[in-house]
PDB file of N, CA and C in Angstrom:
ATOM      1  N   MET A   1     -33.077  16.376  41.161  1.00  0.00           N
ATOM      2  CA  MET A   1     -33.177  15.877  40.449  1.00  0.00           C
ATOM      3  C   MET A   1     -33.317  16.197  38.721  1.00  0.00           C
ATOM      4  N   LYS A   2     -33.426  16.774  38.103  1.00  0.00           N
ATOM      5  CA  LYS A   2     -33.564  17.272  36.768  1.00  0.00           C
ATOM      6  C   LYS A   2     -32.658  17.479  36.702  1.00  0.00           C
ATOM      7  N   GLY A   3     -32.362  18.530  37.742  1.00  0.00           N
ATOM      8  CA  GLY A   3     -30.334  19.442  37.599  1.00  0.00           C
ATOM      9  C   GLY A   3     -29.719  18.500  36.992  1.00  0.00           C
ATOM     10  N   PHE A   4     -29.738  17.270  38.081  1.00  0.00           N
ATOM     11  CA  PHE A   4     -28.754  16.149  38.540  1.00  0.00           C
ATOM     12  C   PHE A   4     -27.872  15.463  36.947  1.00  0.00           C
ATOM     13  N   ASN A   5     -29.869  14.979  36.804  1.00  0.00           N
ATOM     14  CA  ASN A   5     -29.632  14.645  35.222  1.00  0.00           C
ATOM     15  C   ASN A   5     -28.835  15.322  33.808  1.00  0.00           C
ATOM     16  N   VAL A   6     -29.633  16.423  34.611  1.00  0.00           N
ATOM     17  CA  VAL A   6     -29.226  17.131  32.748  1.00  0.00           C
ATOM     18  C   VAL A   6     -26.517  16.523  33.004  1.00  0.00           C
ATOM     19  N   VAL A   7     -26.761  17.280  34.393  1.00  0.00           N
ATOM     20  CA  VAL A   7     -25.273  17.730  34.745  1.00  0.00           C
ATOM     21  C   VAL A   7     -24.429  15.650  34.290  1.00  0.00           C
ATOM     22  N   LYS A   8     -25.466  15.007  34.766  1.00  0.00           N
ATOM     23  CA  LYS A   8     -24.562  13.974  34.585  1.00  0.00           C
ATOM     24  C   LYS A   8     -24.624  13.070  33.067  1.00  0.00           C
ATOM     25  N   LYS A   9     -25.520  13.511  32.365  1.00  0.00           N
ATOM     26  CA  LYS A   9     -25.715  13.963  30.282  1.00  0.00           C
ATOM     27  C   LYS A   9     -24.577  14.719  30.143  1.00  0.00           C
ATOM     28  N   LYS A  10     -24.265  15.361  30.599  1.00  0.00           N
ATOM     29  CA  LYS A  10     -23.528  16.379  29.540  1.00  0.00           C
ATOM     30  C   LYS A  10     -22.004  15.463  30.427  1.00  0.00           C
ATOM     31  N   ILE A  11     -21.785  15.319  31.555  1.00  0.00           N
ATOM     32  CA  ILE A  11     -20.857  14.393  32.410  1.00  0.00           C
ATOM     33  C   ILE A  11     -20.675  13.133  31.349  1.00  0.00           C
ATOM     34  N   GLU A  12     -20.976  12.325  31.001  1.00  0.00           N
ATOM     35  CA  GLU A  12     -20.942  11.798  29.869  1.00  0.00           C
ATOM     36  C   GLU A  12     -21.063  12.059  28.458  1.00  0.00           C
ATOM     37  N   ASP A  13     -21.349  13.150  28.173  1.00  0.00           N
ATOM     38  CA  ASP A  13     -20.996  13.786  26.608  1.00  0.00           C
ATOM     39  C   ASP A  13     -19.927  14.208  26.731  1.00  0.00           C
ATOM     40  N   VAL A  14     -19.436  14.899  27.704  1.00  0.00           N
ATOM     41  CA  VAL A  14     -17.723  14.846  28.013  1.00  0.00           C
ATOM     42  C   VAL A  14     -16.973  13.901  27.520  1.00  0.00           C
ATOM     43  N   VAL A  15     -17.185  13.018  28.583  1.00  0.00           N
ATOM     44  CA  VAL A  15     -16.006  12.010  28.311  1.00  0.00           C
ATOM     45  C   VAL A  15     -16.298  11.227  28.055  1.00  0.00           C
ATOM     46  N   VAL A  16     -17.094  11.274  26.360  1.00  0.00           N
ATOM     47  CA  VAL A  16     -17.299   9.829  25.057  1.00  0.00           C
ATOM     48  C   VAL A  16     -16.964  11.261  24.303  1.00  0.00           C
ATOM     49  N   LEU A  17     -16.203  12.292  24.375  1.00  0.00           N
ATOM     50  CA  LEU A  17     -15.457  13.250  23.498  1.00  0.00           C
ATOM     51  C   LEU A  17     -14.421  13.722  24.151  1.00  0.00           C
ATOM     52  N   VAL A  18     -13.815  13.862  24.711  1.00  0.00           N
ATOM     53  CA  VAL A  18     -12.161  12.944  26.005  1.00  0.00           C
ATOM     54  C   VAL A  18     -11.576  11.600  25.232  1.00  0.00           C
ATOM     55  N   ASN A  19     -13.109  10.713  25.029  1.00  0.00           N
ATOM     56  CA  ASN A  19     -12.192   9.613  25.391  1.00  0.00           C
ATOM     57  C   ASN A  19     -11.434   9.120  23.132  1.00  0.00           C
ATOM     58  N   SER A  20     -13.364  10.083  22.273  1.00  0.00           N
ATOM     59  CA  SER A  20     -13.020  10.257  21.281  1.00  0.00           C
ATOM     60  C   SER A  20     -11.457  10.468  21.148  1.00  0.00           C
ATOM     61  N   LEU A  21     -11.507  11.480  21.278  1.00  0.00           N
ATOM     62  CA  LEU A  21     -10.237  12.884  21.566  1.00  0.00           C
ATOM     63  C   LEU A  21      -9.348  11.561  21.266  1.00  0.00           C
ATOM     64  N   LYS A  22      -8.969  11.301  22.690  1.00  0.00           N
ATOM     65  CA  LYS A  22      -7.867  10.351  22.820  1.00  0.00           C
ATOM     66  C   LYS A  22      -8.053   9.095  21.845  1.00  0.00           C
ATOM     67  N   GLN A  23      -8.178   8.056  21.169  1.00  0.00           N
ATOM     68  CA  GLN A  23      -8.413   7.738  19.821  1.00  0.00           C
ATOM     69  C   GLN A  23      -7.779   8.533  18.634  1.00  0.00           C
ATOM     70  N   GLU A  24      -8.361   9.975  18.931  1.00  0.00           N
ATOM     71  CA  GLU A  24      -7.770   9.957  17.219  1.00  0.00           C
ATOM     72  C   GLU A  24      -6.104  10.575  17.631  1.00  0.00           C
ATOM     73  N   ASN A  25      -5.870  10.909  18.869  1.00  0.00           N
ATOM     74  CA  ASN A  25      -4.625  11.337  18.856  1.00  0.00           C
ATOM     75  C   ASN A  25      -3.751  10.081  19.141  1.00  0.00           C
ATOM     76  N   ALA A  26      -3.846   8.714  19.258  1.00  0.00           N
ATOM     77  CA  ALA A  26      -3.709   8.052  18.840  1.00  0.00           C
ATOM     78  C   ALA A  26      -2.992   7.034  17.980  1.00  0.00           C
ATOM     79  N   LYS A  27      -4.046   7.589  16.669  1.00  0.00           N
ATOM     80  CA  LYS A  27      -4.419   7.356  15.342  1.00  0.00           C
ATOM     81  C   LYS A  27      -3.104   8.572  14.502  1.00  0.00           C
ATOM     82  N   LEU A  28      -3.058   9.873  15.449  1.00  0.00           N
ATOM     83  CA  LEU A  28      -2.480  10.574  14.469  1.00  0.00           C
ATOM     84  C   LEU A  28      -0.839  10.582  15.262  1.00  0.00           C
ATOM     85  N   GLN A  29      -0.350  10.328  16.122  1.00  0.00           N
ATOM     86  CA  GLN A  29       0.244   9.222  16.703  1.00  0.00           C
ATOM     87  C   GLN A  29       1.108   8.571  16.323  1.00  0.00           C
ATOM     88  N   GLU A  30       0.481   7.139  15.406  1.00  0.00           N
ATOM     89  CA  GLU A  30       1.041   6.741  14.539  1.00  0.00           C
ATOM     90  C   GLU A  30       0.599   6.599  13.731  1.00  0.00           C
ATOM     91  N   GLU A  31       0.259   7.587  12.784  1.00  0.00           N
ATOM     92  CA  GLU A  31       0.988   8.334  10.901  1.00  0.00           C
ATOM     93  C   GLU A  31       2.073   8.797  11.598  1.00  0.00           C
ATOM     94  N   ILE A  32       2.639  10.093  12.903  1.00  0.00           N
ATOM     95  CA  ILE A  32       3.150  10.443  12.831  1.00  0.00           C
ATOM     96  C   ILE A  32       4.365   9.321  12.636  1.00  0.00           C
ATOM     97  N   GLU A  33       4.060   8.415  13.523  1.00  0.00           N
ATOM     98  CA  GLU A  33       5.396   7.408  13.228  1.00  0.00           C
ATOM     99  C   GLU A  33       5.745   7.053  12.148  1.00  0.00           C
ATOM    100  N   ARG A  34       4.605   6.913  11.496  1.00  0.00           N
ATOM    101  CA  ARG A  34       4.819   6.349   9.897  1.00  0.00           C
ATOM    102  C   ARG A  34       5.580   7.131   9.082  1.00  0.00           C
ATOM    103  N   ARG A  35       5.476   8.506   9.272  1.00  0.00           N
ATOM    104  CA  ARG A  35       5.724   8.678   8.881  1.00  0.00           C
ATOM    105  C   ARG A  35       7.317   9.389   8.737  1.00  0.00           C
ATOM    106  N   LYS A  36       7.696   9.322   9.440  1.00  0.00           N
ATOM    107  CA  LYS A  36       8.992   9.201  10.597  1.00  0.00           C
ATOM    108  C   LYS A  36      10.220   8.144   9.895  1.00  0.00           C
ATOM    109  N   GLU A  37       9.342   8.088  10.005  1.00  0.00           N
ATOM    110  CA  GLU A  37      10.635   6.153   9.507  1.00  0.00           C
ATOM    111  C   GLU A  37      10.228   6.004   7.774  1.00  0.00           C
ATOM    112  N   ASN A  38       9.436   6.451   7.378  1.00  0.00           N
ATOM    113  CA  ASN A  38       9.319   6.317   6.048  1.00  0.00           C
ATOM    114  C   ASN A  38      10.605   7.727   5.509  1.00  0.00           C
ATOM    115  N   ILE A  39      10.198   8.694   6.858  1.00  0.00           N
ATOM    116  CA  ILE A  39      11.598   9.876   6.405  1.00  0.00           C
ATOM    117  C   ILE A  39      13.032   9.823   6.190  1.00  0.00           C
ATOM    118  N   LYS A  40      13.245   8.537   7.339  1.00  0.00           N
ATOM    119  CA  LYS A  40      14.618   8.082   7.747  1.00  0.00           C
ATOM    120  C   LYS A  40      14.655   7.179   6.292  1.00  0.00           C
ATOM    121  N   SER A  41      14.101   5.965   5.505  1.00  0.00           N
ATOM    122  CA  SER A  41      14.235   5.372   4.849  1.00  0.00           C
ATOM    123  C   SER A  41      13.967   6.136   3.591  1.00  0.00           C
ATOM    124  N   MET A  42      13.527   7.506   3.787  1.00  0.00           N
ATOM    125  CA  MET A  42      13.653   7.663   1.870  1.00  0.00           C
ATOM    126  C   MET A  42      14.880   8.785   2.472  1.00  0.00           C
ATOM    127  N   GLU A  43      15.425   9.437   3.537  1.00  0.00           N
ATOM    128  CA  GLU A  43      16.851  10.067   3.850  1.00  0.00           C
ATOM    129  C   GLU A  43      18.131   9.208   3.626  1.00  0.00           C
ATOM    130  N   GLY A  44      17.659   7.981   4.075  1.00  0.00           N
ATOM    131  CA  GLY A  44      19.125   7.020   4.043  1.00  0.00           C
ATOM    132  C   GLY A  44      19.052   6.253   1.894  1.00  0.00           C
ATOM    133  N   GLU A  45      17.769   6.730   1.178  1.00  0.00           N
ATOM    134  CA  GLU A  45      18.128   6.461  -0.098  1.00  0.00           C
ATOM    135  C   GLU A  45      18.441   7.877  -0.869  1.00  0.00           C
ATOM    136  N   SER A  46      18.251   8.513  -0.361  1.00  0.00           N
ATOM    137  CA  SER A  46      18.895   9.805  -1.138  1.00  0.00           C
ATOM    138  C   SER A  46      20.194  10.027  -0.825  1.00  0.00           C
ATOM    139  N   LYS A  47      20.476   9.511   0.178  1.00  0.00           N
ATOM    140  CA  LYS A  47      22.104   9.416   1.024  1.00  0.00           C
ATOM    141  C   LYS A  47      22.794   8.121  -0.010  1.00  0.00           C
ATOM    142  N   THR A  48      22.405   7.734  -0.795  1.00  0.00           N
ATOM    143  CA  THR A  48      23.014   5.494  -1.528  1.00  0.00           C
ATOM    144  C   THR A  48      22.654   7.163  -2.685  1.00  0.00           C
ATOM    145  N   ALA A  49      21.311   7.540  -2.805  1.00  0.00           N
ATOM    146  CA  ALA A  49      21.556   7.739  -4.324  1.00  0.00           C
ATOM    147  C   ALA A  49      22.340   9.198  -4.626  1.00  0.00           C
ATOM    148  N   LYS A  50      22.587  10.119  -4.023  1.00  0.00           N
ATOM    149  CA  LYS A  50      23.720  11.002  -4.172  1.00  0.00           C
ATOM    150  C   LYS A  50      25.135  10.404  -4.277  1.00  0.00           C
ATOM    151  N   ARG A  51      25.908   8.966  -3.263  1.00  0.00           N
ATOM    152  CA  ARG A  51      26.584   8.231  -3.310  1.00  0.00           C
ATOM    153  C   ARG A  51      26.569   8.244  -5.610  1.00  0.00           C
ATOM    154  N   ILE A  52      25.510   7.180  -5.656  1.00  0.00           N
ATOM    155  CA  ILE A  52      25.922   6.898  -6.250  1.00  0.00           C
ATOM    156  C   ILE A  52      25.651   8.181  -8.044  1.00  0.00           C
ATOM    157  N   VAL A  53      24.908   8.607  -8.287  1.00  0.00           N
ATOM    158  CA  VAL A  53      25.666  10.043  -8.935  1.00  0.00           C
ATOM    159  C   VAL A  53      26.795  10.522  -8.196  1.00  0.00           C
ATOM    160  N   ALA A  54      27.630  10.727  -7.840  1.00  0.00           N
ATOM    161  CA  ALA A  54      28.561  10.901  -7.366  1.00  0.00           C
ATOM    162  C   ALA A  54      29.597   9.746  -8.442  1.00  0.00           C
ATOM    163  N   GLU A  55      29.576   8.647  -7.408  1.00  0.00           N
ATOM    164  CA  GLU A  55      30.526   7.820  -8.875  1.00  0.00           C
ATOM    165  C   GLU A  55      30.261   8.522  -9.676  1.00  0.00           C
ATOM    166  N   ALA A  56      28.905   8.315 -10.412  1.00  0.00           N
ATOM    167  CA  ALA A  56      28.800   8.196 -11.584  1.00  0.00           C
ATOM    168  C   ALA A  56      29.426   9.569 -12.452  1.00  0.00           C
ATOM    169  N   GLU A  57      29.462  10.805 -11.751  1.00  0.00           N
ATOM    170  CA  GLU A  57      30.133  11.844 -12.246  1.00  0.00           C
ATOM    171  C   GLU A  57      31.610  11.583 -12.315  1.00  0.00           C
ATOM    172  N   ARG A  58      32.166  10.984 -11.494  1.00  0.00           N
ATOM    173  CA  ARG A  58      33.842  10.166 -11.129  1.00  0.00           C
ATOM    174  C   ARG A  58      33.505   9.636 -12.548  1.00  0.00           C
ATOM    175  N   LEU A  59      32.596   8.550 -12.835  1.00  0.00           N
ATOM    176  CA  LEU A  59      33.769   7.962 -13.594  1.00  0.00           C
ATOM    177  C   LEU A  59      33.608   8.045 -15.364  1.00  0.00           C
ATOM    178  N   GLU A  60      32.477   9.226 -15.373  1.00  0.00           N
ATOM    179  CA  GLU A  60      32.263  10.005 -16.517  1.00  0.00           C
ATOM    180  C   GLU A  60      33.448  10.775 -17.061  1.00  0.00           C
ATOM    181  N   LYS A  61      34.048  11.411 -15.655  1.00  0.00           N
ATOM    182  CA  LYS A  61      35.153  12.389 -16.122  1.00  0.00           C
ATOM    183  C   LYS A  61      36.595  11.320 -15.752  1.00  0.00           C
ATOM    184  N   GLU A  62      36.190  10.474 -15.648  1.00  0.00           N
ATOM    185  CA  GLU A  62      37.288   9.376 -15.841  1.00  0.00           C
ATOM    186  C   GLU A  62      37.790   8.885 -16.992  1.00  0.00           C
ATOM    187  N   ARG A  63      36.401   8.372 -17.803  1.00  0.00           N
ATOM    188  CA  ARG A  63      36.341   8.157 -19.212  1.00  0.00           C
ATOM    189  C   ARG A  63      36.818   9.638 -20.073  1.00  0.00           C
ATOM    190  N   LYS A  64      36.632  11.084 -19.518  1.00  0.00           N
ATOM    191  CA  LYS A  64      36.781  11.612 -20.648  1.00  0.00           C
ATOM    192  C   LYS A  64      37.908  11.439 -20.521  1.00  0.00           C
ATOM    193  N   GLU A  65      39.069  11.408 -19.437  1.00  0.00           N
ATOM    194  CA  GLU A  65      40.208  11.535 -19.480  1.00  0.00           C
ATOM    195  C   GLU A  65      40.824  10.041 -19.874  1.00  0.00           C
ATOM    196  N   VAL A  66      40.533   9.337 -20.134  1.00  0.00           N
ATOM    197  CA  VAL A  66      41.005   7.838 -20.399  1.00  0.00           C
ATOM    198  C   VAL A  66      41.125   8.575 -21.970  1.00  0.00           C
ATOM    199  N   LYS A  67      39.791   9.251 -22.653  1.00  0.00           N
ATOM    200  CA  LYS A  67      39.357   9.736 -24.051  1.00  0.00           C
ATOM    201  C   LYS A  67      40.832  10.275 -24.168  1.00  0.00           C
ATOM    202  N   GLU A  68      40.919  12.071 -23.779  1.00  0.00           N
ATOM    203  CA  GLU A  68      41.586  12.372 -24.356  1.00  0.00           C
ATOM    204  C   GLU A  68      43.440  11.598 -24.026  1.00  0.00           C
ATOM    205  N   ARG A  69      43.280  10.499 -23.173  1.00  0.00           N
ATOM    206  CA  ARG A  69      44.843   9.609 -23.103  1.00  0.00           C
ATOM    207  C   ARG A  69      44.885   9.355 -24.621  1.00  0.00           C
ATOM    208  N   LEU A  70      43.279   8.423 -25.234  1.00  0.00           N
ATOM    209  CA  LEU A  70      43.873   7.633 -26.167  1.00  0.00           C
ATOM    210  C   LEU A  70      43.811   8.120 -27.302  1.00  0.00           C
ATOM    211  N   ARG A  71      43.370   9.659 -27.402  1.00  0.00           N
ATOM    212  CA  ARG A  71      43.389  11.039 -27.874  1.00  0.00           C
ATOM    213  C   ARG A  71      44.995  10.645 -28.757  1.00  0.00           C
ATOM    214  N   ILE A  72      45.294  11.039 -27.778  1.00  0.00           N
ATOM    215  CA  ILE A  72      47.582  11.709 -28.104  1.00  0.00           C
ATOM    216  C   ILE A  72      47.813  10.496 -28.158  1.00  0.00           C
ATOM    217  N   LEU A  73      47.457   9.059 -27.566  1.00  0.00           N
ATOM    218  CA  LEU A  73      48.168   7.938 -28.088  1.00  0.00           C
ATOM    219  C   LEU A  73      48.145   8.069 -29.356  1.00  0.00           C
ATOM    220  N   LEU A  74      47.209   8.022 -30.492  1.00  0.00           N
ATOM    221  CA  LEU A  74      46.536   8.016 -31.092  1.00  0.00           C
ATOM    222  C   LEU A  74      47.020   8.935 -31.999  1.00  0.00           C
ATOM    223  N   ASP A  75      46.976   9.989 -31.744  1.00  0.00           N
ATOM    224  CA  ASP A  75      47.698  11.120 -32.599  1.00  0.00           C
ATOM    225  C   ASP A  75      49.265  10.780 -32.892  1.00  0.00           C
ATOM    226  N   ARG A  76      50.381  10.263 -31.564  1.00  0.00           N
ATOM    227  CA  ARG A  76      51.327   9.985 -31.053  1.00  0.00           C
ATOM    228  C   ARG A  76      51.731   8.850 -32.643  1.00  0.00           C
ATOM    229  N   LEU A  77      50.756   7.842 -32.676  1.00  0.00           N
ATOM    230  CA  LEU A  77      51.058   6.531 -33.547  1.00  0.00           C
ATOM    231  C   LEU A  77      51.363   7.129 -34.867  1.00  0.00           C
ATOM    232  N   GLU A  78      49.837   7.862 -34.531  1.00  0.00           N
ATOM    233  CA  GLU A  78      50.284   8.433 -36.427  1.00  0.00           C
ATOM    234  C   GLU A  78      50.861   9.582 -37.243  1.00  0.00           C
ATOM    235  N   LYS A  79      51.512  10.182 -36.299  1.00  0.00           N
ATOM    236  CA  LYS A  79      53.124  10.636 -36.207  1.00  0.00           C
ATOM    237  C   LYS A  79      53.525   9.597 -36.205  1.00  0.00           C
ATOM    238  N   MET A  80      53.569   8.510 -35.694  1.00  0.00           N
ATOM    239  CA  MET A  80      55.309   7.757 -36.313  1.00  0.00           C
ATOM    240  C   MET A  80      54.741   7.092 -37.425  1.00  0.00           C
ATOM    241  N   LYS A  81      53.763   6.649 -38.012  1.00  0.00           N
ATOM    242  CA  LYS A  81      53.482   6.505 -39.432  1.00  0.00           C
ATOM    243  C   LYS A  81      54.139   7.552 -40.502  1.00  0.00           C
ATOM    244  N   VAL A  82      54.473   8.332 -39.828  1.00  0.00           N
ATOM    245  CA  VAL A  82      54.691   9.245 -41.109  1.00  0.00           C
ATOM    246  C   VAL A  82      55.702   8.867 -41.575  1.00  0.00           C
TER     247      VAL A  82
END
């Protein structure tokens, strides 16, 4: 009978351990899902940021082109005044 009680106690300990591991696994799965959502959100923000940077670079290039054209026009105007 003593052996049965020892085995029963060990089985109960294993059941408690398994239940604890299941709870920990569930928590980890929730954390993984939360992080996946964060990554998706960050990927979206990254795409938006890349578009904004590309647009800013394009606008800077256009600004330089316009500035150059204005300089050329001003040079022509100066020559016309002479």
